[in-house]
Amino acid sequence: MTATLEAAARDTPVATPGRGWTLLVLALSVLTLVAFAAAVVTGLRWNSGRAADSGRAEALAAAQQAATDLTTVDFHTAQPDVDRVLGNSTGEFADVFRTNADSFIGVLKAGEVVSKGTVVGAAVKDFAGDTADVLVALRATVTNKDNPTGQDRSYRMIEKLKYQDGDWLVSRVDFIP
């Protein structure tokens, strides 16, 4: 019986993985790598989109605050009001505003001007990572010594902002008629 078993063992082919199994394992490995790569790319795009959305929201908020600061002034607090505007500005706008600050303060004090601005609408027009153009609409009530009861005014402006040293700063303001 032992001889019979030995003969049977010699004549029986050993089960080894065939070429079909090797191809299947290889194909599954490739598919797994492709799926993993697709997941990584999708994740990176999603994260990049979130960062852009966050930057847009921050630029929009900064533009709204800057527009409010620009239209909210009081002759009693003229210098701190000017300093607040300058603190949120850079570039061309900061240079022009700084150059004209004394004249601006003089006009506020001479006319006893008080203005309170409120944003009524705003939207990001263009966004490019570290720059943004934001359209802002405001309503302001302005009083002065010639009109102590006040007058409502509407303003529209495009603010150009630049992301600089961790803050969104206004680099240009164009009022729209």
Protein backbone atom coordinates (compact mmCIF):
# COMPACT_ATOMS: atom_id res chain seq x y z
CA MET A 1 0.00 0.00 0.00
CA THR A 2 2.86 2.32 0.71
CA ALA A 3 4.24 1.74 -2.76
CA THR A 4 0.86 2.56 -4.22
CA LEU A 5 0.67 5.82 -2.31
CA GLU A 6 4.18 6.75 -3.33
CA ALA A 7 3.40 6.06 -6.96
CA ALA A 8 0.21 8.07 -6.74
CA ALA A 9 2.08 10.96 -5.17
CA ARG A 10 4.64 10.92 -7.97
CA ASP A 11 1.98 10.83 -10.66
CA THR A 12 -0.28 13.51 -9.12
CA PRO A 13 0.60 17.03 -10.25
CA VAL A 14 1.32 19.51 -7.43
CA ALA A 15 -1.23 22.36 -7.29
CA THR A 16 0.65 25.59 -8.05
CA PRO A 17 -0.84 28.95 -8.87
CA GLY A 18 -1.22 29.26 -12.59
CA ARG A 19 -0.67 32.19 -14.87
CA GLY A 20 -4.36 33.18 -14.49
CA TRP A 21 -3.99 33.68 -10.75
CA THR A 22 -0.86 35.76 -11.20
CA LEU A 23 -2.60 38.05 -13.68
CA LEU A 24 -5.62 38.39 -11.39
CA VAL A 25 -3.44 39.38 -8.42
CA LEU A 26 -1.52 41.83 -10.59
CA ALA A 27 -4.72 43.37 -11.97
CA LEU A 28 -6.21 43.75 -8.47
CA SER A 29 -3.00 45.38 -7.26
CA VAL A 30 -3.06 47.88 -10.12
CA LEU A 31 -6.74 48.67 -9.52
CA THR A 32 -6.04 49.22 -5.82
CA LEU A 33 -3.22 51.63 -6.63
CA VAL A 34 -5.37 53.52 -9.15
CA ALA A 35 -8.23 53.81 -6.62
CA PHE A 36 -5.80 55.05 -3.95
CA ALA A 37 -4.31 57.64 -6.33
CA ALA A 38 -7.79 58.84 -7.31
CA ALA A 39 -8.73 59.20 -3.64
CA VAL A 40 -5.59 61.24 -2.94
CA VAL A 41 -6.19 63.55 -5.93
CA THR A 42 -9.84 64.03 -4.96
CA GLY A 43 -8.86 64.81 -1.38
CA LEU A 44 -6.27 67.36 -2.47
CA ARG A 45 -8.74 69.08 -4.79
CA TRP A 46 -11.39 69.16 -2.07
CA ASN A 47 -8.93 70.64 0.43
CA SER A 48 -7.75 73.21 -2.11
CA GLY A 49 -11.36 74.19 -2.79
CA ARG A 50 -12.00 74.60 0.92
CA ALA A 51 -8.93 76.83 1.26
CA ALA A 52 -10.10 79.00 -1.65
CA ASP A 53 -13.59 79.26 -0.14
CA SER A 54 -12.05 80.24 3.18
CA GLY A 55 -9.85 82.87 1.51
CA ARG A 56 -12.84 84.28 -0.34
CA ALA A 57 -14.85 84.52 2.86
CA GLU A 58 -11.96 86.22 4.69
CA ALA A 59 -11.44 88.72 1.85
CA LEU A 60 -15.18 89.47 1.76
CA ALA A 61 -15.30 90.08 5.52
CA ALA A 62 -12.21 92.30 5.38
CA ALA A 63 -13.66 94.34 2.52
CA GLN A 64 -16.95 94.82 4.35
CA GLN A 65 -15.13 95.96 7.50
CA ALA A 66 -12.87 98.31 5.53
CA ALA A 67 -15.86 99.86 3.72
CA THR A 68 -17.67 100.31 7.03
CA ASP A 69 -14.56 101.91 8.56
CA LEU A 70 -14.19 104.24 5.59
CA THR A 71 -17.79 105.46 5.85
CA THR A 72 -18.03 105.51 9.65
CA VAL A 73 -16.23 108.62 10.86
CA ASP A 74 -16.82 111.22 13.56
CA PHE A 75 -15.18 114.61 13.88
CA HIS A 76 -14.77 113.91 17.62
CA THR A 77 -12.67 110.78 16.89
CA ALA A 78 -11.18 111.79 13.53
CA GLN A 79 -7.59 110.71 14.21
CA PRO A 80 -8.45 107.22 15.54
CA ASP A 81 -10.90 106.81 12.62
CA VAL A 82 -8.13 107.65 10.14
CA ASP A 83 -5.70 105.35 11.96
CA ARG A 84 -8.24 102.50 11.77
CA VAL A 85 -8.58 102.95 7.99
CA LEU A 86 -4.80 103.11 7.56
CA GLY A 87 -4.35 100.01 9.71
CA ASN A 88 -6.38 97.97 7.20
CA SER A 89 -4.80 99.38 4.05
CA THR A 90 -1.68 98.96 1.95
CA GLY A 91 -0.17 100.08 -1.33
CA GLU A 92 -1.68 102.85 -3.39
CA PHE A 93 -4.72 103.34 -1.18
CA ALA A 94 -2.65 103.59 2.01
CA ASP A 95 -0.25 106.05 0.35
CA VAL A 96 -3.03 108.33 -0.93
CA PHE A 97 -5.03 108.17 2.30
CA ARG A 98 -1.94 108.82 4.45
CA THR A 99 -0.96 111.78 2.24
CA ASN A 100 -4.43 113.31 2.58
CA ALA A 101 -5.14 112.34 6.20
CA ASP A 102 -4.59 115.80 7.67
CA SER A 103 -6.88 117.41 5.07
CA PHE A 104 -9.52 114.72 5.67
CA ILE A 105 -9.39 115.30 9.43
CA GLY A 106 -9.61 119.07 8.84
CA VAL A 107 -12.75 118.68 6.70
CA LEU A 108 -14.37 116.39 9.30
CA LYS A 109 -13.68 118.84 12.13
CA ALA A 110 -14.56 122.01 10.21
CA GLY A 111 -17.88 120.55 9.05
CA GLU A 112 -18.56 118.69 12.32
CA VAL A 113 -19.15 115.59 10.21
CA VAL A 114 -20.49 112.36 11.65
CA SER A 115 -21.14 109.44 9.30
CA LYS A 116 -22.34 105.95 10.12
CA GLY A 117 -22.00 103.45 7.28
CA THR A 118 -23.70 100.07 7.04
CA VAL A 119 -22.98 97.41 4.43
CA VAL A 120 -26.16 96.41 2.58
CA GLY A 121 -24.54 94.00 0.14
CA ALA A 122 -21.16 92.65 -0.90
CA ALA A 123 -19.75 90.07 -3.27
CA VAL A 124 -16.35 88.84 -4.36
CA LYS A 125 -15.93 89.83 -7.99
CA ASP A 126 -12.50 88.24 -8.57
CA PHE A 127 -10.33 86.03 -6.37
CA ALA A 128 -6.80 84.82 -7.08
CA GLY A 129 -5.45 83.37 -3.84
CA ASP A 130 -3.66 86.43 -2.49
CA THR A 131 -5.67 89.16 -4.25
CA ALA A 132 -9.39 89.86 -4.43
CA ASP A 133 -11.74 92.43 -5.93
CA VAL A 134 -14.83 92.95 -3.81
CA LEU A 135 -17.92 94.96 -4.70
CA VAL A 136 -19.49 96.59 -1.64
CA ALA A 137 -22.75 98.56 -1.37
CA LEU A 138 -23.32 100.75 1.69
CA ARG A 139 -25.88 103.05 3.14
CA ALA A 140 -24.65 105.86 5.39
CA THR A 141 -26.34 108.51 7.46
CA VAL A 142 -24.28 111.68 7.40
CA THR A 143 -24.77 114.65 9.69
CA ASN A 144 -22.81 117.90 9.73
CA LYS A 145 -23.20 121.43 11.01
CA ASP A 146 -25.22 122.40 7.90
CA ASN A 147 -27.50 119.36 8.16
CA PRO A 148 -27.76 118.28 11.80
CA THR A 149 -30.77 116.01 11.17
CA GLY A 150 -28.74 113.91 8.77
CA GLN A 151 -28.93 112.76 5.22
CA ASP A 152 -28.97 109.20 3.95
CA ARG A 153 -26.42 108.41 1.27
CA SER A 154 -25.71 105.31 -0.76
CA TYR A 155 -22.25 104.25 -1.86
CA ARG A 156 -20.96 101.51 -4.12
CA MET A 157 -17.31 100.70 -4.37
CA ILE A 158 -14.89 98.13 -5.65
CA GLU A 159 -12.14 97.40 -3.20
CA LYS A 160 -8.96 95.69 -4.31
CA LEU A 161 -7.49 93.63 -1.50
CA LYS A 162 -4.12 91.99 -1.05
CA TYR A 163 -3.29 89.20 1.39
CA GLN A 164 -0.22 90.45 3.20
CA ASP A 165 1.42 89.23 6.41
CA GLY A 166 -1.62 87.15 7.33
CA ASP A 167 -4.22 89.89 6.76
CA TRP A 168 -6.42 91.05 3.91
CA LEU A 169 -5.62 94.72 3.32
CA VAL A 170 -7.23 97.26 0.99
CA SER A 171 -4.85 98.40 -1.73
CA ARG A 172 -7.30 100.42 -3.82
CA VAL A 173 -10.84 101.80 -3.59
CA ASP A 174 -12.86 102.85 -6.61
CA PHE A 175 -16.23 104.45 -5.94
CA ILE A 176 -18.87 103.58 -8.52
CA PRO A 177 -21.26 106.38 -9.53
